[in-house]
PDB file of N, CA and C in Angstrom:
ATOM      1  N   MET A   1       0.853  -1.182   0.000  1.00  0.00           N
ATOM      2  CA  MET A   1       0.000   0.000   0.000  1.00  0.00           C
ATOM      3  C   MET A   1       0.895   1.240   0.000  1.00  0.00           C
ATOM      4  N   ARG A   2       0.607   2.159  -0.899  1.00  0.00           N
ATOM      5  CA  ARG A   2       1.407   3.386  -1.011  1.00  0.00           C
ATOM      6  C   ARG A   2       0.607   4.572  -0.465  1.00  0.00           C
ATOM      7  N   LEU A   3       1.267   5.354   0.400  1.00  0.00           N
ATOM      8  CA  LEU A   3       0.647   6.534   0.986  1.00  0.00           C
ATOM      9  C   LEU A   3       1.412   7.776   0.557  1.00  0.00           C
ATOM     10  N   LEU A   4       0.718   8.885   0.469  1.00  0.00           N
ATOM     11  CA  LEU A   4       1.327  10.178   0.159  1.00  0.00           C
ATOM     12  C   LEU A   4       1.078  11.117   1.331  1.00  0.00           C
ATOM     13  N   VAL A   5       2.170  11.644   1.902  1.00  0.00           N
ATOM     14  CA  VAL A   5       2.104  12.577   3.022  1.00  0.00           C
ATOM     15  C   VAL A   5       2.482  13.957   2.504  1.00  0.00           C
ATOM     16  N   VAL A   6       1.590  14.931   2.718  1.00  0.00           N
ATOM     17  CA  VAL A   6       1.799  16.286   2.211  1.00  0.00           C
ATOM     18  C   VAL A   6       1.767  17.267   3.380  1.00  0.00           C
ATOM     19  N   ASP A   7       2.898  17.945   3.601  1.00  0.00           N
ATOM     20  CA  ASP A   7       2.984  18.945   4.666  1.00  0.00           C
ATOM     21  C   ASP A   7       4.182  19.829   4.367  1.00  0.00           C
ATOM     22  N   ASP A   8       4.041  21.126   4.560  1.00  0.00           N
ATOM     23  CA  ASP A   8       5.162  22.034   4.289  1.00  0.00           C
ATOM     24  C   ASP A   8       6.240  21.947   5.362  1.00  0.00           C
ATOM     25  N   SER A   9       5.937  21.301   6.471  1.00  0.00           N
ATOM     26  CA  SER A   9       6.927  21.108   7.544  1.00  0.00           C
ATOM     27  C   SER A   9       7.628  19.762   7.352  1.00  0.00           C
ATOM     28  N   SER A  10       8.936  19.803   7.100  1.00  0.00           N
ATOM     29  CA  SER A  10       9.684  18.553   6.936  1.00  0.00           C
ATOM     30  C   SER A  10       9.668  17.742   8.231  1.00  0.00           C
ATOM     31  N   THR A  11       9.649  18.433   9.370  1.00  0.00           N
ATOM     32  CA  THR A  11       9.581  17.743  10.659  1.00  0.00           C
ATOM     33  C   THR A  11       8.276  16.964  10.789  1.00  0.00           C
ATOM     34  N   MET A  12       7.162  17.592  10.420  1.00  0.00           N
ATOM     35  CA  MET A  12       5.867  16.915  10.513  1.00  0.00           C
ATOM     36  C   MET A  12       5.807  15.741   9.536  1.00  0.00           C
ATOM     37  N   ARG A  13       6.352  15.923   8.336  1.00  0.00           N
ATOM     38  CA  ARG A  13       6.379  14.800   7.386  1.00  0.00           C
ATOM     39  C   ARG A  13       7.173  13.634   7.978  1.00  0.00           C
ATOM     40  N   ARG A  14       8.292  13.926   8.602  1.00  0.00           N
ATOM     41  CA  ARG A  14       9.127  12.877   9.197  1.00  0.00           C
ATOM     42  C   ARG A  14       8.377  12.175  10.333  1.00  0.00           C
ATOM     43  N   ILE A  15       7.689  12.935  11.184  1.00  0.00           N
ATOM     44  CA  ILE A  15       6.913  12.349  12.290  1.00  0.00           C
ATOM     45  C   ILE A  15       5.846  11.403  11.738  1.00  0.00           C
ATOM     46  N   ILE A  16       5.125  11.865  10.733  1.00  0.00           N
ATOM     47  CA  ILE A  16       4.058  11.032  10.152  1.00  0.00           C
ATOM     48  C   ILE A  16       4.655   9.793   9.487  1.00  0.00           C
ATOM     49  N   LYS A  17       5.739   9.976   8.709  1.00  0.00           N
ATOM     50  CA  LYS A  17       6.377   8.835   8.048  1.00  0.00           C
ATOM     51  C   LYS A  17       6.897   7.821   9.063  1.00  0.00           C
ATOM     52  N   ASN A  18       7.522   8.295  10.134  1.00  0.00           N
ATOM     53  CA  ASN A  18       8.031   7.380  11.166  1.00  0.00           C
ATOM     54  C   ASN A  18       6.893   6.614  11.832  1.00  0.00           C
ATOM     55  N   THR A  19       5.799   7.312  12.101  1.00  0.00           N
ATOM     56  CA  THR A  19       4.634   6.656  12.698  1.00  0.00           C
ATOM     57  C   THR A  19       4.082   5.601  11.748  1.00  0.00           C
ATOM     58  N   LEU A  20       3.943   5.959  10.470  1.00  0.00           N
ATOM     59  CA  LEU A  20       3.436   5.006   9.482  1.00  0.00           C
ATOM     60  C   LEU A  20       4.351   3.794   9.372  1.00  0.00           C
ATOM     61  N   SER A  21       5.652   4.032   9.419  1.00  0.00           N
ATOM     62  CA  SER A  21       6.617   2.937   9.341  1.00  0.00           C
ATOM     63  C   SER A  21       6.442   1.973  10.518  1.00  0.00           C
ATOM     64  N   ARG A  22       6.251   2.524  11.722  1.00  0.00           N
ATOM     65  CA  ARG A  22       6.025   1.682  12.893  1.00  0.00           C
ATOM     66  C   ARG A  22       4.719   0.881  12.779  1.00  0.00           C
ATOM     67  N   LEU A  23       3.784   1.402  11.989  1.00  0.00           N
ATOM     68  CA  LEU A  23       2.505   0.707  11.787  1.00  0.00           C
ATOM     69  C   LEU A  23       2.587  -0.291  10.628  1.00  0.00           C
ATOM     70  N   GLY A  24       3.761  -0.353   9.979  1.00  0.00           N
ATOM     71  CA  GLY A  24       3.943  -1.313   8.896  1.00  0.00           C
ATOM     72  C   GLY A  24       3.777  -0.745   7.504  1.00  0.00           C
ATOM     73  N   TYR A  25       3.620   0.558   7.405  1.00  0.00           N
ATOM     74  CA  TYR A  25       3.476   1.208   6.092  1.00  0.00           C
ATOM     75  C   TYR A  25       4.808   1.848   5.710  1.00  0.00           C
ATOM     76  N   ASP A  26       5.553   1.178   4.831  1.00  0.00           N
ATOM     77  CA  ASP A  26       6.877   1.657   4.467  1.00  0.00           C
ATOM     78  C   ASP A  26       6.932   2.318   3.100  1.00  0.00           C
ATOM     79  N   ASP A  27       5.881   2.148   2.302  1.00  0.00           N
ATOM     80  CA  ASP A  27       5.857   2.743   0.963  1.00  0.00           C
ATOM     81  C   ASP A  27       5.160   4.102   1.053  1.00  0.00           C
ATOM     82  N   VAL A  28       5.938   5.122   1.435  1.00  0.00           N
ATOM     83  CA  VAL A  28       5.373   6.447   1.685  1.00  0.00           C
ATOM     84  C   VAL A  28       6.104   7.490   0.844  1.00  0.00           C
ATOM     85  N   LEU A  29       5.348   8.192   0.022  1.00  0.00           N
ATOM     86  CA  LEU A  29       5.877   9.324  -0.729  1.00  0.00           C
ATOM     87  C   LEU A  29       5.590  10.580   0.074  1.00  0.00           C
ATOM     88  N   GLU A  30       6.353  11.640  -0.181  1.00  0.00           N
ATOM     89  CA  GLU A  30       6.074  12.881   0.533  1.00  0.00           C
ATOM     90  C   GLU A  30       6.197  14.075  -0.400  1.00  0.00           C
ATOM     91  N   ALA A  31       5.424  15.105  -0.062  1.00  0.00           N
ATOM     92  CA  ALA A  31       5.417  16.346  -0.828  1.00  0.00           C
ATOM     93  C   ALA A  31       5.324  17.516   0.137  1.00  0.00           C
ATOM     94  N   GLU A  32       5.853  18.661  -0.314  1.00  0.00           N
ATOM     95  CA  GLU A  32       5.919  19.854   0.527  1.00  0.00           C
ATOM     96  C   GLU A  32       4.663  20.723   0.438  1.00  0.00           C
ATOM     97  N   HIS A  33       3.922  20.569  -0.651  1.00  0.00           N
ATOM     98  CA  HIS A  33       2.696  21.356  -0.846  1.00  0.00           C
ATOM     99  C   HIS A  33       1.814  20.670  -1.885  1.00  0.00           C
ATOM    100  N   GLY A  34       0.634  21.229  -2.098  1.00  0.00           N
ATOM    101  CA  GLY A  34      -0.344  20.608  -2.981  1.00  0.00           C
ATOM    102  C   GLY A  34       0.100  20.445  -4.415  1.00  0.00           C
ATOM    103  N   VAL A  35       0.827  21.408  -4.951  1.00  0.00           N
ATOM    104  CA  VAL A  35       1.281  21.312  -6.339  1.00  0.00           C
ATOM    105  C   VAL A  35       2.232  20.126  -6.500  1.00  0.00           C
ATOM    106  N   GLU A  36       3.176  20.011  -5.568  1.00  0.00           N
ATOM    107  CA  GLU A  36       4.118  18.891  -5.614  1.00  0.00           C
ATOM    108  C   GLU A  36       3.371  17.561  -5.434  1.00  0.00           C
ATOM    109  N   ALA A  37       2.400  17.542  -4.543  1.00  0.00           N
ATOM    110  CA  ALA A  37       1.600  16.335  -4.314  1.00  0.00           C
ATOM    111  C   ALA A  37       0.859  15.935  -5.578  1.00  0.00           C
ATOM    112  N   TRP A  38       0.239  16.906  -6.227  1.00  0.00           N
ATOM    113  CA  TRP A  38      -0.521  16.618  -7.441  1.00  0.00           C
ATOM    114  C   TRP A  38       0.401  16.068  -8.532  1.00  0.00           C
ATOM    115  N   ASN A  39       1.586  16.659  -8.658  1.00  0.00           N
ATOM    116  CA  ASN A  39       2.551  16.164  -9.646  1.00  0.00           C
ATOM    117  C   ASN A  39       2.943  14.721  -9.348  1.00  0.00           C
ATOM    118  N   LEU A  40       3.140  14.395  -8.071  1.00  0.00           N
ATOM    119  CA  LEU A  40       3.449  13.013  -7.682  1.00  0.00           C
ATOM    120  C   LEU A  40       2.287  12.079  -8.024  1.00  0.00           C
ATOM    121  N   MET A  41       1.076  12.542  -7.783  1.00  0.00           N
ATOM    122  CA  MET A  41      -0.103  11.714  -8.056  1.00  0.00           C
ATOM    123  C   MET A  41      -0.248  11.450  -9.547  1.00  0.00           C
ATOM    124  N   GLU A  42       0.152  12.409 -10.371  1.00  0.00           N
ATOM    125  CA  GLU A  42       0.088  12.198 -11.816  1.00  0.00           C
ATOM    126  C   GLU A  42       1.152  11.200 -12.281  1.00  0.00           C
ATOM    127  N   ARG A  43       2.295  11.167 -11.580  1.00  0.00           N
ATOM    128  CA  ARG A  43       3.380  10.243 -11.947  1.00  0.00           C
ATOM    129  C   ARG A  43       3.201   8.850 -11.333  1.00  0.00           C
ATOM    130  N   HIS A  44       2.541   8.767 -10.186  1.00  0.00           N
ATOM    131  CA  HIS A  44       2.351   7.491  -9.478  1.00  0.00           C
ATOM    132  C   HIS A  44       0.861   7.206  -9.360  1.00  0.00           C
ATOM    133  N   SER A  45       0.360   6.362 -10.227  1.00  0.00           N
ATOM    134  CA  SER A  45      -1.083   6.082 -10.233  1.00  0.00           C
ATOM    135  C   SER A  45      -1.485   5.094  -9.147  1.00  0.00           C
ATOM    136  N   ASP A  46      -0.496   4.633  -8.360  1.00  0.00           N
ATOM    137  CA  ASP A  46      -0.781   3.594  -7.371  1.00  0.00           C
ATOM    138  C   ASP A  46      -0.807   4.119  -5.932  1.00  0.00           C
ATOM    139  N   ILE A  47      -1.092   5.404  -5.753  1.00  0.00           N
ATOM    140  CA  ILE A  47      -1.195   5.962  -4.399  1.00  0.00           C
ATOM    141  C   ILE A  47      -2.564   5.579  -3.831  1.00  0.00           C
ATOM    142  N   ASP A  48      -2.547   4.978  -2.641  1.00  0.00           N
ATOM    143  CA  ASP A  48      -3.776   4.443  -2.051  1.00  0.00           C
ATOM    144  C   ASP A  48      -4.420   5.364  -1.027  1.00  0.00           C
ATOM    145  N   VAL A  49      -3.597   6.156  -0.311  1.00  0.00           N
ATOM    146  CA  VAL A  49      -4.103   7.022   0.755  1.00  0.00           C
ATOM    147  C   VAL A  49      -3.372   8.356   0.700  1.00  0.00           C
ATOM    148  N   LEU A  50      -4.118   9.444   0.886  1.00  0.00           N
ATOM    149  CA  LEU A  50      -3.551  10.784   0.944  1.00  0.00           C
ATOM    150  C   LEU A  50      -3.697  11.322   2.364  1.00  0.00           C
ATOM    151  N   ILE A  51      -2.565  11.754   2.937  1.00  0.00           N
ATOM    152  CA  ILE A  51      -2.574  12.392   4.257  1.00  0.00           C
ATOM    153  C   ILE A  51      -2.014  13.790   4.040  1.00  0.00           C
ATOM    154  N   THR A  52      -2.840  14.810   4.247  1.00  0.00           N
ATOM    155  CA  THR A  52      -2.413  16.159   3.906  1.00  0.00           C
ATOM    156  C   THR A  52      -2.674  17.180   5.010  1.00  0.00           C
ATOM    157  N   ASP A  53      -1.784  18.142   5.067  1.00  0.00           N
ATOM    158  CA  ASP A  53      -1.949  19.319   5.911  1.00  0.00           C
ATOM    159  C   ASP A  53      -2.937  20.248   5.214  1.00  0.00           C
ATOM    160  N   TRP A  54      -3.435  21.246   5.917  1.00  0.00           N
ATOM    161  CA  TRP A  54      -4.322  22.246   5.322  1.00  0.00           C
ATOM    162  C   TRP A  54      -3.510  23.454   4.856  1.00  0.00           C
ATOM    163  N   ASN A  55      -2.759  24.063   5.770  1.00  0.00           N
ATOM    164  CA  ASN A  55      -2.056  25.320   5.487  1.00  0.00           C
ATOM    165  C   ASN A  55      -0.676  25.060   4.894  1.00  0.00           C
ATOM    166  N   MET A  56      -0.566  25.315   3.576  1.00  0.00           N
ATOM    167  CA  MET A  56       0.693  25.129   2.862  1.00  0.00           C
ATOM    168  C   MET A  56       0.781  26.162   1.750  1.00  0.00           C
ATOM    169  N   PRO A  57       2.009  26.490   1.318  1.00  0.00           N
ATOM    170  CA  PRO A  57       2.165  27.402   0.179  1.00  0.00           C
ATOM    171  C   PRO A  57       1.821  26.683  -1.132  1.00  0.00           C
ATOM    172  N   GLU A  58       1.834  27.427  -2.220  1.00  0.00           N
ATOM    173  CA  GLU A  58       1.605  26.904  -3.580  1.00  0.00           C
ATOM    174  C   GLU A  58       0.149  26.475  -3.780  1.00  0.00           C
ATOM    175  N   MET A  59      -0.243  25.367  -3.135  1.00  0.00           N
ATOM    176  CA  MET A  59      -1.631  24.908  -3.151  1.00  0.00           C
ATOM    177  C   MET A  59      -1.904  24.327  -1.768  1.00  0.00           C
ATOM    178  N   ASN A  60      -2.911  24.868  -1.083  1.00  0.00           N
ATOM    179  CA  ASN A  60      -3.192  24.368   0.265  1.00  0.00           C
ATOM    180  C   ASN A  60      -3.903  23.014   0.213  1.00  0.00           C
ATOM    181  N   GLY A  61      -4.017  22.402   1.382  1.00  0.00           N
ATOM    182  CA  GLY A  61      -4.597  21.069   1.459  1.00  0.00           C
ATOM    183  C   GLY A  61      -6.045  21.003   1.039  1.00  0.00           C
ATOM    184  N   LEU A  62      -6.817  22.023   1.351  1.00  0.00           N
ATOM    185  CA  LEU A  62      -8.228  22.024   0.970  1.00  0.00           C
ATOM    186  C   LEU A  62      -8.367  22.052  -0.551  1.00  0.00           C
ATOM    187  N   ASP A  63      -7.567  22.890  -1.218  1.00  0.00           N
ATOM    188  CA  ASP A  63      -7.602  22.937  -2.684  1.00  0.00           C
ATOM    189  C   ASP A  63      -7.123  21.614  -3.287  1.00  0.00           C
ATOM    190  N   LEU A  64      -6.133  21.000  -2.654  1.00  0.00           N
ATOM    191  CA  LEU A  64      -5.653  19.698  -3.114  1.00  0.00           C
ATOM    192  C   LEU A  64      -6.760  18.650  -3.005  1.00  0.00           C
ATOM    193  N   VAL A  65      -7.452  18.634  -1.888  1.00  0.00           N
ATOM    194  CA  VAL A  65      -8.547  17.680  -1.691  1.00  0.00           C
ATOM    195  C   VAL A  65      -9.610  17.874  -2.777  1.00  0.00           C
ATOM    196  N   LYS A  66      -9.979  19.114  -3.038  1.00  0.00           N
ATOM    197  CA  LYS A  66     -10.992  19.398  -4.062  1.00  0.00           C
ATOM    198  C   LYS A  66     -10.520  18.934  -5.439  1.00  0.00           C
ATOM    199  N   LYS A  67      -9.245  19.158  -5.748  1.00  0.00           N
ATOM    200  CA  LYS A  67      -8.682  18.739  -7.033  1.00  0.00           C
ATOM    201  C   LYS A  67      -8.688  17.210  -7.143  1.00  0.00           C
ATOM    202  N   VAL A  68      -8.268  16.543  -6.071  1.00  0.00           N
ATOM    203  CA  VAL A  68      -8.243  15.079  -6.052  1.00  0.00           C
ATOM    204  C   VAL A  68      -9.656  14.524  -6.227  1.00  0.00           C
ATOM    205  N   ARG A  69     -10.597  15.072  -5.478  1.00  0.00           N
ATOM    206  CA  ARG A  69     -11.986  14.592  -5.562  1.00  0.00           C
ATOM    207  C   ARG A  69     -12.633  14.896  -6.918  1.00  0.00           C
ATOM    208  N   GLY A  70     -12.080  15.861  -7.648  1.00  0.00           N
ATOM    209  CA  GLY A  70     -12.593  16.187  -8.975  1.00  0.00           C
ATOM    210  C   GLY A  70     -12.187  15.183 -10.041  1.00  0.00           C
ATOM    211  N   GLU A  71     -11.270  14.297  -9.706  1.00  0.00           N
ATOM    212  CA  GLU A  71     -10.806  13.260 -10.638  1.00  0.00           C
ATOM    213  C   GLU A  71     -11.514  11.947 -10.340  1.00  0.00           C
ATOM    214  N   THR A  72     -12.126  11.370 -11.350  1.00  0.00           N
ATOM    215  CA  THR A  72     -12.883  10.125 -11.191  1.00  0.00           C
ATOM    216  C   THR A  72     -12.058   9.018 -10.554  1.00  0.00           C
ATOM    217  N   LYS A  73     -10.794   8.887 -10.959  1.00  0.00           N
ATOM    218  CA  LYS A  73      -9.974   7.781 -10.451  1.00  0.00           C
ATOM    219  C   LYS A  73      -9.656   7.907  -8.961  1.00  0.00           C
ATOM    220  N   TYR A  74      -9.838   9.101  -8.392  1.00  0.00           N
ATOM    221  CA  TYR A  74      -9.528   9.310  -6.977  1.00  0.00           C
ATOM    222  C   TYR A  74     -10.769   9.495  -6.111  1.00  0.00           C
ATOM    223  N   VAL A  75     -11.933   9.263  -6.677  1.00  0.00           N
ATOM    224  CA  VAL A  75     -13.171   9.560  -5.956  1.00  0.00           C
ATOM    225  C   VAL A  75     -13.303   8.734  -4.660  1.00  0.00           C
ATOM    226  N   ASP A  76     -12.713   7.540  -4.649  1.00  0.00           N
ATOM    227  CA  ASP A  76     -12.820   6.675  -3.467  1.00  0.00           C
ATOM    228  C   ASP A  76     -11.546   6.634  -2.630  1.00  0.00           C
ATOM    229  N   MET A  77     -10.529   7.417  -3.011  1.00  0.00           N
ATOM    230  CA  MET A  77      -9.264   7.406  -2.268  1.00  0.00           C
ATOM    231  C   MET A  77      -9.478   7.950  -0.859  1.00  0.00           C
ATOM    232  N   PRO A  78      -9.036   7.208   0.158  1.00  0.00           N
ATOM    233  CA  PRO A  78      -9.130   7.728   1.527  1.00  0.00           C
ATOM    234  C   PRO A  78      -8.218   8.957   1.697  1.00  0.00           C
ATOM    235  N   ILE A  79      -8.767  10.018   2.271  1.00  0.00           N
ATOM    236  CA  ILE A  79      -8.006  11.238   2.524  1.00  0.00           C
ATOM    237  C   ILE A  79      -8.153  11.609   3.995  1.00  0.00           C
ATOM    238  N   ILE A  80      -6.994  11.804   4.645  1.00  0.00           N
ATOM    239  CA  ILE A  80      -6.974  12.251   6.034  1.00  0.00           C
ATOM    240  C   ILE A  80      -6.311  13.621   6.066  1.00  0.00           C
ATOM    241  N   MET A  81      -6.968  14.589   6.681  1.00  0.00           N
ATOM    242  CA  MET A  81      -6.367  15.909   6.847  1.00  0.00           C
ATOM    243  C   MET A  81      -5.788  16.001   8.253  1.00  0.00           C
ATOM    244  N   VAL A  82      -4.522  16.393   8.323  1.00  0.00           N
ATOM    245  CA  VAL A  82      -3.808  16.559   9.584  1.00  0.00           C
ATOM    246  C   VAL A  82      -3.423  18.032   9.678  1.00  0.00           C
ATOM    247  N   THR A  83      -4.028  18.767  10.606  1.00  0.00           N
ATOM    248  CA  THR A  83      -3.871  20.214  10.597  1.00  0.00           C
ATOM    249  C   THR A  83      -4.023  20.835  11.985  1.00  0.00           C
ATOM    250  N   THR A  84      -3.610  22.073  12.097  1.00  0.00           N
ATOM    251  CA  THR A  84      -3.826  22.832  13.330  1.00  0.00           C
ATOM    252  C   THR A  84      -5.221  23.463  13.330  1.00  0.00           C
ATOM    253  N   GLU A  85      -5.894  23.434  12.194  1.00  0.00           N
ATOM    254  CA  GLU A  85      -7.237  24.027  12.078  1.00  0.00           C
ATOM    255  C   GLU A  85      -8.245  23.103  12.749  1.00  0.00           C
ATOM    256  N   GLY A  86      -8.557  23.391  14.023  1.00  0.00           N
ATOM    257  CA  GLY A  86      -9.402  22.483  14.780  1.00  0.00           C
ATOM    258  C   GLY A  86     -10.809  22.956  15.048  1.00  0.00           C
ATOM    259  N   GLY A  87     -11.186  24.091  14.474  1.00  0.00           N
ATOM    260  CA  GLY A  87     -12.531  24.609  14.711  1.00  0.00           C
ATOM    261  C   GLY A  87     -13.595  23.792  14.005  1.00  0.00           C
ATOM    262  N   LYS A  88     -14.808  23.831  14.539  1.00  0.00           N
ATOM    263  CA  LYS A  88     -15.916  23.065  13.967  1.00  0.00           C
ATOM    264  C   LYS A  88     -16.164  23.453  12.505  1.00  0.00           C
ATOM    265  N   ALA A  89     -16.098  24.738  12.202  1.00  0.00           N
ATOM    266  CA  ALA A  89     -16.341  25.197  10.833  1.00  0.00           C
ATOM    267  C   ALA A  89     -15.299  24.633   9.871  1.00  0.00           C
ATOM    268  N   GLU A  90     -14.036  24.581  10.318  1.00  0.00           N
ATOM    269  CA  GLU A  90     -12.974  24.049   9.465  1.00  0.00           C
ATOM    270  C   GLU A  90     -13.165  22.557   9.213  1.00  0.00           C
ATOM    271  N   VAL A  91     -13.534  21.826  10.256  1.00  0.00           N
ATOM    272  CA  VAL A  91     -13.763  20.394  10.107  1.00  0.00           C
ATOM    273  C   VAL A  91     -14.890  20.150   9.107  1.00  0.00           C
ATOM    274  N   ILE A  92     -15.976  20.892   9.241  1.00  0.00           N
ATOM    275  CA  ILE A  92     -17.120  20.744   8.331  1.00  0.00           C
ATOM    276  C   ILE A  92     -16.709  21.086   6.905  1.00  0.00           C
ATOM    277  N   THR A  93     -15.947  22.163   6.732  1.00  0.00           N
ATOM    278  CA  THR A  93     -15.473  22.567   5.405  1.00  0.00           C
ATOM    279  C   THR A  93     -14.640  21.449   4.772  1.00  0.00           C
ATOM    280  N   ALA A  94     -13.736  20.872   5.550  1.00  0.00           N
ATOM    281  CA  ALA A  94     -12.874  19.797   5.042  1.00  0.00           C
ATOM    282  C   ALA A  94     -13.695  18.561   4.672  1.00  0.00           C
ATOM    283  N   LEU A  95     -14.639  18.192   5.526  1.00  0.00           N
ATOM    284  CA  LEU A  95     -15.474  17.025   5.244  1.00  0.00           C
ATOM    285  C   LEU A  95     -16.313  17.242   3.989  1.00  0.00           C
ATOM    286  N   LYS A  96     -16.845  18.447   3.824  1.00  0.00           N
ATOM    287  CA  LYS A  96     -17.635  18.755   2.626  1.00  0.00           C
ATOM    288  C   LYS A  96     -16.779  18.707   1.363  1.00  0.00           C
ATOM    289  N   ALA A  97     -15.493  19.038   1.501  1.00  0.00           N
ATOM    290  CA  ALA A  97     -14.582  19.005   0.352  1.00  0.00           C
ATOM    291  C   ALA A  97     -14.217  17.572  -0.038  1.00  0.00           C
ATOM    292  N   GLY A  98     -14.424  16.626   0.881  1.00  0.00           N
ATOM    293  CA  GLY A  98     -14.169  15.232   0.546  1.00  0.00           C
ATOM    294  C   GLY A  98     -13.180  14.507   1.429  1.00  0.00           C
ATOM    295  N   VAL A  99     -12.792  15.129   2.548  1.00  0.00           N
ATOM    296  CA  VAL A  99     -11.886  14.474   3.486  1.00  0.00           C
ATOM    297  C   VAL A  99     -12.646  13.355   4.203  1.00  0.00           C
ATOM    298  N   ASN A 100     -12.011  12.192   4.355  1.00  0.00           N
ATOM    299  CA  ASN A 100     -12.646  11.066   5.039  1.00  0.00           C
ATOM    300  C   ASN A 100     -12.467  11.121   6.550  1.00  0.00           C
ATOM    301  N   ASN A 101     -11.353  11.722   6.988  1.00  0.00           N
ATOM    302  CA  ASN A 101     -11.100  11.814   8.419  1.00  0.00           C
ATOM    303  C   ASN A 101     -10.218  13.018   8.689  1.00  0.00           C
ATOM    304  N   TYR A 102     -10.146  13.426   9.949  1.00  0.00           N
ATOM    305  CA  TYR A 102      -9.553  14.709  10.310  1.00  0.00           C
ATOM    306  C   TYR A 102      -8.783  14.556  11.609  1.00  0.00           C
ATOM    307  N   ILE A 103      -7.536  14.997  11.620  1.00  0.00           N
ATOM    308  CA  ILE A 103      -6.707  14.933  12.822  1.00  0.00           C
ATOM    309  C   ILE A 103      -6.198  16.336  13.128  1.00  0.00           C
ATOM    310  N   VAL A 104      -6.363  16.757  14.375  1.00  0.00           N
ATOM    311  CA  VAL A 104      -5.870  18.078  14.783  1.00  0.00           C
ATOM    312  C   VAL A 104      -4.486  17.911  15.425  1.00  0.00           C
ATOM    313  N   LYS A 105      -3.532  18.721  14.949  1.00  0.00           N
ATOM    314  CA  LYS A 105      -2.181  18.743  15.530  1.00  0.00           C
ATOM    315  C   LYS A 105      -2.223  19.487  16.857  1.00  0.00           C
ATOM    316  N   PRO A 106      -1.425  19.102  17.821  1.00  0.00           N
ATOM    317  CA  PRO A 106      -0.575  17.907  17.834  1.00  0.00           C
ATOM    318  C   PRO A 106      -1.422  16.654  18.053  1.00  0.00           C
ATOM    319  N   PHE A 107      -0.905  15.516  17.631  1.00  0.00           N
ATOM    320  CA  PHE A 107      -1.634  14.264  17.756  1.00  0.00           C
ATOM    321  C   PHE A 107      -0.665  13.173  18.210  1.00  0.00           C
ATOM    322  N   THR A 108      -1.213  12.067  18.675  1.00  0.00           N
ATOM    323  CA  THR A 108      -0.391  10.932  19.093  1.00  0.00           C
ATOM    324  C   THR A 108      -0.351   9.900  17.962  1.00  0.00           C
ATOM    325  N   PRO A 109       0.656   9.043  17.953  1.00  0.00           N
ATOM    326  CA  PRO A 109       0.690   7.967  16.962  1.00  0.00           C
ATOM    327  C   PRO A 109      -0.574   7.109  16.997  1.00  0.00           C
ATOM    328  N   GLN A 110      -1.139   6.919  18.190  1.00  0.00           N
ATOM    329  CA  GLN A 110      -2.361   6.119  18.323  1.00  0.00           C
ATOM    330  C   GLN A 110      -3.522   6.749  17.552  1.00  0.00           C
ATOM    331  N   VAL A 111      -3.623   8.074  17.583  1.00  0.00           N
ATOM    332  CA  VAL A 111      -4.695   8.759  16.854  1.00  0.00           C
ATOM    333  C   VAL A 111      -4.535   8.530  15.347  1.00  0.00           C
ATOM    334  N   LEU A 112      -3.315   8.672  14.839  1.00  0.00           N
ATOM    335  CA  LEU A 112      -3.076   8.431  13.411  1.00  0.00           C
ATOM    336  C   LEU A 112      -3.422   6.989  13.052  1.00  0.00           C
ATOM    337  N   LYS A 113      -3.024   6.054  13.894  1.00  0.00           N
ATOM    338  CA  LYS A 113      -3.319   4.638  13.672  1.00  0.00           C
ATOM    339  C   LYS A 113      -4.831   4.413  13.586  1.00  0.00           C
ATOM    340  N   GLU A 114      -5.576   4.980  14.532  1.00  0.00           N
ATOM    341  CA  GLU A 114      -7.033   4.796  14.566  1.00  0.00           C
ATOM    342  C   GLU A 114      -7.703   5.414  13.360  1.00  0.00           C
ATOM    343  N   LYS A 115      -7.286   6.618  12.997  1.00  0.00           N
ATOM    344  CA  LYS A 115      -7.907   7.303  11.851  1.00  0.00           C
ATOM    345  C   LYS A 115      -7.594   6.554  10.553  1.00  0.00           C
ATOM    346  N   LEU A 116      -6.371   6.062  10.424  1.00  0.00           N
ATOM    347  CA  LEU A 116      -5.977   5.321   9.231  1.00  0.00           C
ATOM    348  C   LEU A 116      -6.775   4.005   9.136  1.00  0.00           C
ATOM    349  N   GLU A 117      -6.873   3.295  10.254  1.00  0.00           N
ATOM    350  CA  GLU A 117      -7.658   2.069  10.277  1.00  0.00           C
ATOM    351  C   GLU A 117      -9.117   2.348   9.921  1.00  0.00           C
ATOM    352  N   ASP A 118      -9.634   3.481  10.398  1.00  0.00           N
ATOM    353  CA  ASP A 118     -11.015   3.863  10.132  1.00  0.00           C
ATOM    354  C   ASP A 118     -11.259   4.072   8.633  1.00  0.00           C
ATOM    355  N   VAL A 119     -10.366   4.796   7.960  1.00  0.00           N
ATOM    356  CA  VAL A 119     -10.581   5.078   6.532  1.00  0.00           C
ATOM    357  C   VAL A 119     -10.311   3.847   5.660  1.00  0.00           C
ATOM    358  N   LEU A 120      -9.477   2.937   6.159  1.00  0.00           N
ATOM    359  CA  LEU A 120      -9.174   1.735   5.380  1.00  0.00           C
ATOM    360  C   LEU A 120     -10.182   0.601   5.635  1.00  0.00           C
ATOM    361  N   GLY A 121     -11.031   0.796   6.631  1.00  0.00           N
ATOM    362  CA  GLY A 121     -12.049  -0.205   6.906  1.00  0.00           C
ATOM    363  C   GLY A 121     -11.490  -1.289   7.765  1.00  0.00           C
TER     364      GLY A 121
END
């Protein structure tokens, strides 16, 4: 299973990748912002899960989610948003855009594990 982690913070990408590795997910691509993520998705058609931040330069996570959901081949792709935006309005906005699950930073590895298990069934 291949996952794509998108966050403008290299530290946060490393934390998420390390957590995923401990959970047995070693095939993880990473991108610094939505534009880079989209380019990776166009080159790698085998990405199974998208984990994205909201606030990033170039293209933010919400715009990335909308772009991904606009493509037929990605309509069922599990998407988890990991962000500091924890308000009810932000969560609703993200869910309406097509996010399957939502994690507010800071988070524990257990939370990521539970949310990932939830979106994967």
